[in-house]
């Protein structure tokens, strides 16, 4: 299926991420002091069957429920949206026994690196990577048993409509889980977060990744703060419910630097 033309926010995301793939995974871990990996594992655990690795995310859960869906059963089909270089896609393949994983991303350069990562992992028979927009997924209704998305909602014009589109492709009873950055709720930690995102993150990006990563570092702090001024966590929980998800729960990660959220697709 032909990919629909990107809107302004899509185009910005493509310009931002297109130069990054070669060092994306390594620098994302370095500049987050390893927290990005912890957050990814916490999200992926929401789709893994109970007892598969003995752990279910991290402490500090909030919301209605922390139940896991059925996406970990053999033969299941899982969609990873905003897959980028396929880091989470590969985690899902390793973690969810017998499942097939489809990764979708808007930026072709990121997916090309993702394809190399998949080939190197030996998981190519279980993983397919597709170019597409989260706002208009190229899949039929209820096509997937589970879905993940990461660092997505700041790059779409209408988060509510995007959540509805994500929920559309998940079967009733399937699990949806997400990972996003979060603005720390504590004033103390928010002060240090602002200092890190305003000074250390851009500088660290410049020293380790060059001008492209300096641009990302400068962008992230204002982008995250602006997003949560418009769409606080309470709004986001309600948006998930309006999109057709129930048992919505969330976990603030690393003193409020990350947000893992999950829910179950209602019948329709």
C-alpha atoms as a PDB file:
ATOM      1  CA  UNK A   1       0.000   0.000   0.000  1.00  0.00           C
ATOM      2  CA  UNK A   2       1.272   3.474  -0.855  1.00  0.00           C
ATOM      3  CA  UNK A   3       2.233   5.545   2.179  1.00  0.00           C
ATOM      4  CA  UNK A   4      -0.026   8.630   2.594  1.00  0.00           C
ATOM      5  CA  UNK A   5       1.794  11.962   2.331  1.00  0.00           C
ATOM      6  CA  UNK A   6       3.218  13.182   5.663  1.00  0.00           C
ATOM      7  CA  UNK A   7       1.823  16.231   7.405  1.00  0.00           C
ATOM      8  CA  UNK A   8       3.953  19.038   8.902  1.00  0.00           C
ATOM      9  CA  UNK A   9       4.764  17.151  12.122  1.00  0.00           C
ATOM     10  CA  UNK A  10       5.551  13.997  10.171  1.00  0.00           C
ATOM     11  CA  UNK A  11       7.911  15.931   7.922  1.00  0.00           C
ATOM     12  CA  UNK A  12       9.672  17.420  10.921  1.00  0.00           C
ATOM     13  CA  UNK A  13      10.137  13.972  12.467  1.00  0.00           C
ATOM     14  CA  UNK A  14      11.574  12.666   9.203  1.00  0.00           C
ATOM     15  CA  UNK A  15      14.087  15.526   9.007  1.00  0.00           C
ATOM     16  CA  UNK A  16      15.037  15.062  12.661  1.00  0.00           C
ATOM     17  CA  UNK A  17      15.599  11.319  12.539  1.00  0.00           C
ATOM     18  CA  UNK A  18      16.881  10.771   8.991  1.00  0.00           C
ATOM     19  CA  UNK A  19      20.554  11.531   9.870  1.00  0.00           C
ATOM     20  CA  UNK A  20      20.571   9.451  13.074  1.00  0.00           C
ATOM     21  CA  UNK A  21      20.192   5.723  12.317  1.00  0.00           C
ATOM     22  CA  UNK A  22      23.813   4.560  12.239  1.00  0.00           C
ATOM     23  CA  UNK A  23      24.473   5.493  15.885  1.00  0.00           C
ATOM     24  CA  UNK A  24      20.926   5.795  17.150  1.00  0.00           C
ATOM     25  CA  UNK A  25      20.753   2.793  19.472  1.00  0.00           C
ATOM     26  CA  UNK A  26      24.189   3.297  21.013  1.00  0.00           C
ATOM     27  CA  UNK A  27      23.793   7.027  21.612  1.00  0.00           C
ATOM     28  CA  UNK A  28      20.206   6.702  22.875  1.00  0.00           C
ATOM     29  CA  UNK A  29      21.523   4.443  25.630  1.00  0.00           C
ATOM     30  CA  UNK A  30      24.572   6.582  26.333  1.00  0.00           C
ATOM     31  CA  UNK A  31      22.713   9.902  26.527  1.00  0.00           C
ATOM     32  CA  UNK A  32      19.956   8.418  28.700  1.00  0.00           C
ATOM     33  CA  UNK A  33      22.496   6.760  31.059  1.00  0.00           C
ATOM     34  CA  UNK A  34      20.987   3.385  30.174  1.00  0.00           C
ATOM     35  CA  UNK A  35      17.444   4.350  31.166  1.00  0.00           C
ATOM     36  CA  UNK A  36      16.049   3.982  27.646  1.00  0.00           C
ATOM     37  CA  UNK A  37      16.763   0.258  27.796  1.00  0.00           C
ATOM     38  CA  UNK A  38      15.073  -0.103  31.184  1.00  0.00           C
ATOM     39  CA  UNK A  39      12.001   1.705  29.921  1.00  0.00           C
ATOM     40  CA  UNK A  40      11.823  -0.456  26.804  1.00  0.00           C
ATOM     41  CA  UNK A  41      11.995  -3.633  28.873  1.00  0.00           C
ATOM     42  CA  UNK A  42       9.245  -2.363  31.162  1.00  0.00           C
ATOM     43  CA  UNK A  43       6.978  -1.695  28.187  1.00  0.00           C
ATOM     44  CA  UNK A  44       7.706  -4.989  26.451  1.00  0.00           C
ATOM     45  CA  UNK A  45       6.953  -6.846  29.680  1.00  0.00           C
ATOM     46  CA  UNK A  46       3.359  -5.658  29.363  1.00  0.00           C
ATOM     47  CA  UNK A  47       2.909  -7.875  26.308  1.00  0.00           C
ATOM     48  CA  UNK A  48       4.897 -10.860  27.587  1.00  0.00           C
ATOM     49  CA  UNK A  49       2.968 -13.715  29.217  1.00  0.00           C
ATOM     50  CA  UNK A  50       2.986 -13.940  32.982  1.00  0.00           C
ATOM     51  CA  UNK A  51       6.093 -15.633  34.308  1.00  0.00           C
ATOM     52  CA  UNK A  52       8.004 -15.599  31.028  1.00  0.00           C
ATOM     53  CA  UNK A  53      10.945 -13.781  32.582  1.00  0.00           C
ATOM     54  CA  UNK A  54       9.768 -13.533  36.153  1.00  0.00           C
ATOM     55  CA  UNK A  55       9.320  -9.755  36.077  1.00  0.00           C
ATOM     56  CA  UNK A  56       6.543  -7.395  35.087  1.00  0.00           C
ATOM     57  CA  UNK A  57       7.802  -3.885  34.519  1.00  0.00           C
ATOM     58  CA  UNK A  58       8.903  -1.647  37.372  1.00  0.00           C
ATOM     59  CA  UNK A  59       7.635  -0.378  40.689  1.00  0.00           C
ATOM     60  CA  UNK A  60       5.549   2.741  40.931  1.00  0.00           C
ATOM     61  CA  UNK A  61       2.511   1.687  38.920  1.00  0.00           C
ATOM     62  CA  UNK A  62      -0.595   3.832  38.798  1.00  0.00           C
ATOM     63  CA  UNK A  63      -3.996   3.465  37.214  1.00  0.00           C
ATOM     64  CA  UNK A  64      -6.675   0.852  37.014  1.00  0.00           C
ATOM     65  CA  UNK A  65      -4.856  -2.373  36.336  1.00  0.00           C
ATOM     66  CA  UNK A  66      -1.531  -4.021  35.561  1.00  0.00           C
ATOM     67  CA  UNK A  67      -2.853  -7.104  33.811  1.00  0.00           C
ATOM     68  CA  UNK A  68      -1.082  -8.597  30.815  1.00  0.00           C
ATOM     69  CA  UNK A  69      -2.899  -9.386  27.611  1.00  0.00           C
ATOM     70  CA  UNK A  70      -2.692 -12.536  25.531  1.00  0.00           C
ATOM     71  CA  UNK A  71      -0.181 -11.347  22.955  1.00  0.00           C
ATOM     72  CA  UNK A  72       2.468 -13.707  24.267  1.00  0.00           C
ATOM     73  CA  UNK A  73       0.719 -16.863  23.125  1.00  0.00           C
ATOM     74  CA  UNK A  74       2.208 -18.872  20.259  1.00  0.00           C
ATOM     75  CA  UNK A  75       1.258 -17.729  16.784  1.00  0.00           C
ATOM     76  CA  UNK A  76       0.280 -14.223  17.826  1.00  0.00           C
ATOM     77  CA  UNK A  77       0.841 -11.147  15.659  1.00  0.00           C
ATOM     78  CA  UNK A  78       2.163  -7.948  17.269  1.00  0.00           C
ATOM     79  CA  UNK A  79       2.566  -4.484  15.773  1.00  0.00           C
ATOM     80  CA  UNK A  80       5.386  -2.150  16.856  1.00  0.00           C
ATOM     81  CA  UNK A  81       4.614   1.444  15.795  1.00  0.00           C
ATOM     82  CA  UNK A  82       7.373   4.064  15.518  1.00  0.00           C
ATOM     83  CA  UNK A  83       9.749   1.104  15.307  1.00  0.00           C
ATOM     84  CA  UNK A  84      12.758   3.160  14.230  1.00  0.00           C
ATOM     85  CA  UNK A  85      15.835   0.941  14.074  1.00  0.00           C
ATOM     86  CA  UNK A  86      13.766  -2.042  15.279  1.00  0.00           C
ATOM     87  CA  UNK A  87      15.154  -2.112  18.816  1.00  0.00           C
ATOM     88  CA  UNK A  88      11.781  -2.754  20.443  1.00  0.00           C
ATOM     89  CA  UNK A  89      10.683  -4.912  17.512  1.00  0.00           C
ATOM     90  CA  UNK A  90      13.616  -7.212  18.201  1.00  0.00           C
ATOM     91  CA  UNK A  91      12.927  -7.217  21.933  1.00  0.00           C
ATOM     92  CA  UNK A  92       9.384  -8.337  21.237  1.00  0.00           C
ATOM     93  CA  UNK A  93      10.609 -11.130  18.980  1.00  0.00           C
ATOM     94  CA  UNK A  94      13.023 -12.362  21.642  1.00  0.00           C
ATOM     95  CA  UNK A  95      10.605 -11.976  24.520  1.00  0.00           C
ATOM     96  CA  UNK A  96       7.284 -13.174  23.100  1.00  0.00           C
ATOM     97  CA  UNK A  97       7.694 -16.810  22.154  1.00  0.00           C
ATOM     98  CA  UNK A  98       6.321 -17.816  18.772  1.00  0.00           C
ATOM     99  CA  UNK A  99       4.954 -14.386  17.869  1.00  0.00           C
ATOM    100  CA  UNK A 100       5.425 -12.637  14.534  1.00  0.00           C
ATOM    101  CA  UNK A 101       6.247  -8.933  14.761  1.00  0.00           C
ATOM    102  CA  UNK A 102       5.526  -6.141  12.286  1.00  0.00           C
ATOM    103  CA  UNK A 103       7.432  -2.887  12.739  1.00  0.00           C
ATOM    104  CA  UNK A 104       6.144   0.372  11.233  1.00  0.00           C
ATOM    105  CA  UNK A 105       7.966   3.675  10.971  1.00  0.00           C
ATOM    106  CA  UNK A 106       7.682   6.847   8.932  1.00  0.00           C
ATOM    107  CA  UNK A 107      11.413   7.376   8.347  1.00  0.00           C
ATOM    108  CA  UNK A 108      12.878   5.092   5.698  1.00  0.00           C
ATOM    109  CA  UNK A 109      16.476   5.703   6.834  1.00  0.00           C
ATOM    110  CA  UNK A 110      15.635   4.402  10.309  1.00  0.00           C
ATOM    111  CA  UNK A 111      13.908   1.338   8.876  1.00  0.00           C
ATOM    112  CA  UNK A 112      16.870   0.551   6.637  1.00  0.00           C
ATOM    113  CA  UNK A 113      19.071   0.423   9.734  1.00  0.00           C
ATOM    114  CA  UNK A 114      16.350  -1.608  11.413  1.00  0.00           C
ATOM    115  CA  UNK A 115      16.434  -4.105   8.546  1.00  0.00           C
ATOM    116  CA  UNK A 116      20.189  -4.486   9.019  1.00  0.00           C
ATOM    117  CA  UNK A 117      19.684  -5.032  12.736  1.00  0.00           C
ATOM    118  CA  UNK A 118      16.996  -7.638  12.085  1.00  0.00           C
ATOM    119  CA  UNK A 119      19.181  -9.484   9.569  1.00  0.00           C
ATOM    120  CA  UNK A 120      22.080  -9.538  12.023  1.00  0.00           C
ATOM    121  CA  UNK A 121      19.833 -10.923  14.768  1.00  0.00           C
ATOM    122  CA  UNK A 122      18.741 -13.973  12.804  1.00  0.00           C
ATOM    123  CA  UNK A 123      15.057 -13.072  13.393  1.00  0.00           C
ATOM    124  CA  UNK A 124      14.186 -12.074   9.826  1.00  0.00           C
ATOM    125  CA  UNK A 125      11.764 -14.981   9.466  1.00  0.00           C
ATOM    126  CA  UNK A 126       9.618 -13.547  12.291  1.00  0.00           C
ATOM    127  CA  UNK A 127       9.887  -9.809  11.647  1.00  0.00           C
ATOM    128  CA  UNK A 128       8.561  -7.592   8.837  1.00  0.00           C
ATOM    129  CA  UNK A 129       9.319  -3.870   8.604  1.00  0.00           C
ATOM    130  CA  UNK A 130       6.902  -1.532   6.824  1.00  0.00           C
ATOM    131  CA  UNK A 131       6.978   2.186   6.039  1.00  0.00           C
ATOM    132  CA  UNK A 132       3.810   3.868   7.294  1.00  0.00           C
ATOM    133  CA  UNK A 133       2.167   6.603   9.344  1.00  0.00           C
ATOM    134  CA  UNK A 134       0.714   5.915  12.770  1.00  0.00           C
ATOM    135  CA  UNK A 135      -2.197   8.213  11.880  1.00  0.00           C
ATOM    136  CA  UNK A 136      -3.191   6.007   8.933  1.00  0.00           C
ATOM    137  CA  UNK A 137      -1.968   2.457   9.396  1.00  0.00           C
ATOM    138  CA  UNK A 138      -1.993   0.203   6.316  1.00  0.00           C
ATOM    139  CA  UNK A 139      -3.731  -2.686   8.103  1.00  0.00           C
ATOM    140  CA  UNK A 140      -7.337  -3.882   8.504  1.00  0.00           C
ATOM    141  CA  UNK A 141      -9.356  -3.649  11.699  1.00  0.00           C
ATOM    142  CA  UNK A 142      -8.441  -6.038  14.541  1.00  0.00           C
ATOM    143  CA  UNK A 143      -5.457  -7.409  12.618  1.00  0.00           C
ATOM    144  CA  UNK A 144      -3.084  -7.650  15.605  1.00  0.00           C
ATOM    145  CA  UNK A 145      -3.122  -9.388  18.971  1.00  0.00           C
ATOM    146  CA  UNK A 146      -1.022  -6.694  20.620  1.00  0.00           C
ATOM    147  CA  UNK A 147       0.594  -3.350  19.833  1.00  0.00           C
ATOM    148  CA  UNK A 148       3.434  -1.206  21.151  1.00  0.00           C
ATOM    149  CA  UNK A 149       4.375   2.361  20.294  1.00  0.00           C
ATOM    150  CA  UNK A 150       7.215   4.515  21.550  1.00  0.00           C
ATOM    151  CA  UNK A 151       8.095   8.221  21.528  1.00  0.00           C
ATOM    152  CA  UNK A 152       5.241   8.853  19.112  1.00  0.00           C
ATOM    153  CA  UNK A 153       2.602  11.245  20.389  1.00  0.00           C
ATOM    154  CA  UNK A 154       4.801  14.374  20.310  1.00  0.00           C
ATOM    155  CA  UNK A 155       5.155  13.934  16.539  1.00  0.00           C
ATOM    156  CA  UNK A 156       1.484  13.716  15.543  1.00  0.00           C
ATOM    157  CA  UNK A 157      -0.949  16.597  15.048  1.00  0.00           C
ATOM    158  CA  UNK A 158      -3.859  14.889  16.799  1.00  0.00           C
ATOM    159  CA  UNK A 159      -2.882  12.447  19.590  1.00  0.00           C
ATOM    160  CA  UNK A 160      -6.516  11.474  20.248  1.00  0.00           C
ATOM    161  CA  UNK A 161      -7.168  10.518  16.633  1.00  0.00           C
ATOM    162  CA  UNK A 162      -3.838   8.676  16.469  1.00  0.00           C
ATOM    163  CA  UNK A 163      -4.690   6.615  19.556  1.00  0.00           C
ATOM    164  CA  UNK A 164      -8.023   5.702  17.992  1.00  0.00           C
ATOM    165  CA  UNK A 165      -6.217   4.568  14.844  1.00  0.00           C
ATOM    166  CA  UNK A 166      -3.775   2.463  16.864  1.00  0.00           C
ATOM    167  CA  UNK A 167      -6.626   0.840  18.789  1.00  0.00           C
ATOM    168  CA  UNK A 168      -8.484   0.140  15.542  1.00  0.00           C
ATOM    169  CA  UNK A 169      -5.968  -2.459  14.380  1.00  0.00           C
ATOM    170  CA  UNK A 170      -5.921  -4.392  17.699  1.00  0.00           C
ATOM    171  CA  UNK A 171      -8.364  -7.220  18.301  1.00  0.00           C
ATOM    172  CA  UNK A 172     -10.727  -7.045  21.309  1.00  0.00           C
ATOM    173  CA  UNK A 173      -8.870  -8.269  24.382  1.00  0.00           C
ATOM    174  CA  UNK A 174      -5.453  -7.427  22.924  1.00  0.00           C
ATOM    175  CA  UNK A 175      -2.886  -5.419  24.865  1.00  0.00           C
ATOM    176  CA  UNK A 176      -1.572  -1.988  23.865  1.00  0.00           C
ATOM    177  CA  UNK A 177       1.559  -0.634  25.590  1.00  0.00           C
ATOM    178  CA  UNK A 178       3.515   2.561  25.056  1.00  0.00           C
ATOM    179  CA  UNK A 179       6.700   4.335  26.064  1.00  0.00           C
ATOM    180  CA  UNK A 180       7.068   8.101  26.103  1.00  0.00           C
ATOM    181  CA  UNK A 181       9.273  10.656  27.787  1.00  0.00           C
ATOM    182  CA  UNK A 182       7.701  12.335  30.813  1.00  0.00           C
ATOM    183  CA  UNK A 183       8.149  15.665  32.543  1.00  0.00           C
ATOM    184  CA  UNK A 184       9.077  14.817  36.177  1.00  0.00           C
ATOM    185  CA  UNK A 185       6.154  15.738  38.460  1.00  0.00           C
ATOM    186  CA  UNK A 186       8.405  16.594  41.420  1.00  0.00           C
ATOM    187  CA  UNK A 187       9.670  20.185  41.382  1.00  0.00           C
ATOM    188  CA  UNK A 188      13.040  19.034  42.710  1.00  0.00           C
ATOM    189  CA  UNK A 189      13.642  16.471  39.972  1.00  0.00           C
ATOM    190  CA  UNK A 190      12.112  18.727  37.344  1.00  0.00           C
ATOM    191  CA  UNK A 191      14.756  21.365  38.167  1.00  0.00           C
ATOM    192  CA  UNK A 192      17.561  18.886  37.507  1.00  0.00           C
ATOM    193  CA  UNK A 193      15.745  17.507  34.445  1.00  0.00           C
ATOM    194  CA  UNK A 194      15.557  21.008  32.960  1.00  0.00           C
ATOM    195  CA  UNK A 195      19.264  21.522  33.566  1.00  0.00           C
ATOM    196  CA  UNK A 196      20.125  18.204  31.941  1.00  0.00           C
ATOM    197  CA  UNK A 197      17.909  18.710  28.888  1.00  0.00           C
ATOM    198  CA  UNK A 198      18.952  22.350  28.426  1.00  0.00           C
ATOM    199  CA  UNK A 199      22.731  21.952  28.851  1.00  0.00           C
ATOM    200  CA  UNK A 200      24.119  18.446  29.268  1.00  0.00           C
ATOM    201  CA  UNK A 201      21.972  16.638  26.696  1.00  0.00           C
ATOM    202  CA  UNK A 202      22.750  18.989  23.776  1.00  0.00           C
ATOM    203  CA  UNK A 203      26.429  19.127  24.745  1.00  0.00           C
ATOM    204  CA  UNK A 204      26.633  15.365  25.127  1.00  0.00           C
ATOM    205  CA  UNK A 205      24.917  14.925  21.791  1.00  0.00           C
ATOM    206  CA  UNK A 206      27.365  17.277  20.097  1.00  0.00           C
ATOM    207  CA  UNK A 207      30.420  15.559  21.562  1.00  0.00           C
ATOM    208  CA  UNK A 208      29.273  12.005  20.841  1.00  0.00           C
ATOM    209  CA  UNK A 209      27.161  12.354  17.714  1.00  0.00           C
ATOM    210  CA  UNK A 210      27.899  15.699  16.056  1.00  0.00           C
ATOM    211  CA  UNK A 211      25.573  18.451  14.928  1.00  0.00           C
ATOM    212  CA  UNK A 212      22.623  16.153  14.244  1.00  0.00           C
ATOM    213  CA  UNK A 213      22.580  14.897  17.824  1.00  0.00           C
ATOM    214  CA  UNK A 214      23.118  18.432  19.133  1.00  0.00           C
ATOM    215  CA  UNK A 215      19.906  19.396  17.311  1.00  0.00           C
ATOM    216  CA  UNK A 216      18.062  16.472  18.880  1.00  0.00           C
ATOM    217  CA  UNK A 217      19.370  17.411  22.324  1.00  0.00           C
ATOM    218  CA  UNK A 218      18.202  21.007  21.973  1.00  0.00           C
ATOM    219  CA  UNK A 219      14.805  19.903  20.702  1.00  0.00           C
ATOM    220  CA  UNK A 220      13.896  17.279  23.302  1.00  0.00           C
ATOM    221  CA  UNK A 221      13.468  19.337  26.473  1.00  0.00           C
ATOM    222  CA  UNK A 222      11.148  22.026  25.038  1.00  0.00           C
ATOM    223  CA  UNK A 223       9.273  19.389  23.036  1.00  0.00           C
ATOM    224  CA  UNK A 224       8.551  17.231  26.102  1.00  0.00           C
ATOM    225  CA  UNK A 225       7.587  20.181  28.308  1.00  0.00           C
ATOM    226  CA  UNK A 226       5.339  21.652  25.615  1.00  0.00           C
ATOM    227  CA  UNK A 227       3.609  18.332  25.013  1.00  0.00           C
ATOM    228  CA  UNK A 228       2.673  17.871  28.669  1.00  0.00           C
ATOM    229  CA  UNK A 229       1.417  21.432  28.944  1.00  0.00           C
ATOM    230  CA  UNK A 230      -1.106  20.530  26.265  1.00  0.00           C
ATOM    231  CA  UNK A 231      -1.612  16.857  27.076  1.00  0.00           C
ATOM    232  CA  UNK A 232      -0.929  16.000  30.739  1.00  0.00           C
ATOM    233  CA  UNK A 233      -0.945  12.391  31.893  1.00  0.00           C
ATOM    234  CA  UNK A 234      -4.556  12.600  33.059  1.00  0.00           C
ATOM    235  CA  UNK A 235      -5.613  13.741  29.605  1.00  0.00           C
ATOM    236  CA  UNK A 236      -3.646  10.907  28.026  1.00  0.00           C
ATOM    237  CA  UNK A 237      -5.286   8.256  30.223  1.00  0.00           C
ATOM    238  CA  UNK A 238      -8.705   9.586  29.233  1.00  0.00           C
ATOM    239  CA  UNK A 239      -7.674   9.670  25.569  1.00  0.00           C
ATOM    240  CA  UNK A 240      -6.746   5.984  25.743  1.00  0.00           C
ATOM    241  CA  UNK A 241     -10.189   5.213  27.147  1.00  0.00           C
ATOM    242  CA  UNK A 242     -11.924   7.251  24.463  1.00  0.00           C
ATOM    243  CA  UNK A 243      -9.920   5.377  21.840  1.00  0.00           C
ATOM    244  CA  UNK A 244     -11.470   2.100  23.003  1.00  0.00           C
ATOM    245  CA  UNK A 245      -9.023   0.872  25.639  1.00  0.00           C
ATOM    246  CA  UNK A 246      -9.867  -0.231  29.152  1.00  0.00           C
ATOM    247  CA  UNK A 247      -7.923  -1.182  32.287  1.00  0.00           C
ATOM    248  CA  UNK A 248      -5.580   1.700  31.475  1.00  0.00           C
ATOM    249  CA  UNK A 249      -2.548   1.874  33.755  1.00  0.00           C
ATOM    250  CA  UNK A 250       0.701   3.779  33.812  1.00  0.00           C
ATOM    251  CA  UNK A 251       4.097   3.785  35.457  1.00  0.00           C
ATOM    252  CA  UNK A 252       6.404   6.784  35.908  1.00  0.00           C
ATOM    253  CA  UNK A 253       9.962   5.617  35.286  1.00  0.00           C
ATOM    254  CA  UNK A 254      13.314   6.906  36.557  1.00  0.00           C
ATOM    255  CA  UNK A 255      12.026   9.662  38.867  1.00  0.00           C
ATOM    256  CA  UNK A 256       9.522  10.766  36.257  1.00  0.00           C
ATOM    257  CA  UNK A 257      11.746  10.875  33.174  1.00  0.00           C
ATOM    258  CA  UNK A 258       9.807   8.163  31.332  1.00  0.00           C
ATOM    259  CA  UNK A 259       6.212   6.998  31.078  1.00  0.00           C
ATOM    260  CA  UNK A 260       5.077   3.437  30.369  1.00  0.00           C
ATOM    261  CA  UNK A 261       1.341   3.069  29.753  1.00  0.00           C
ATOM    262  CA  UNK A 262      -0.815   0.070  28.927  1.00  0.00           C
ATOM    263  CA  UNK A 263      -4.408  -0.930  28.326  1.00  0.00           C
ATOM    264  CA  UNK A 264      -6.694  -3.581  26.856  1.00  0.00           C
ATOM    265  CA  UNK A 265      -8.700  -3.233  23.655  1.00  0.00           C
ATOM    266  CA  UNK A 266     -12.386  -3.370  24.354  1.00  0.00           C
ATOM    267  CA  UNK A 267     -14.835  -5.393  22.309  1.00  0.00           C
ATOM    268  CA  UNK A 268     -16.369  -3.663  19.357  1.00  0.00           C
END
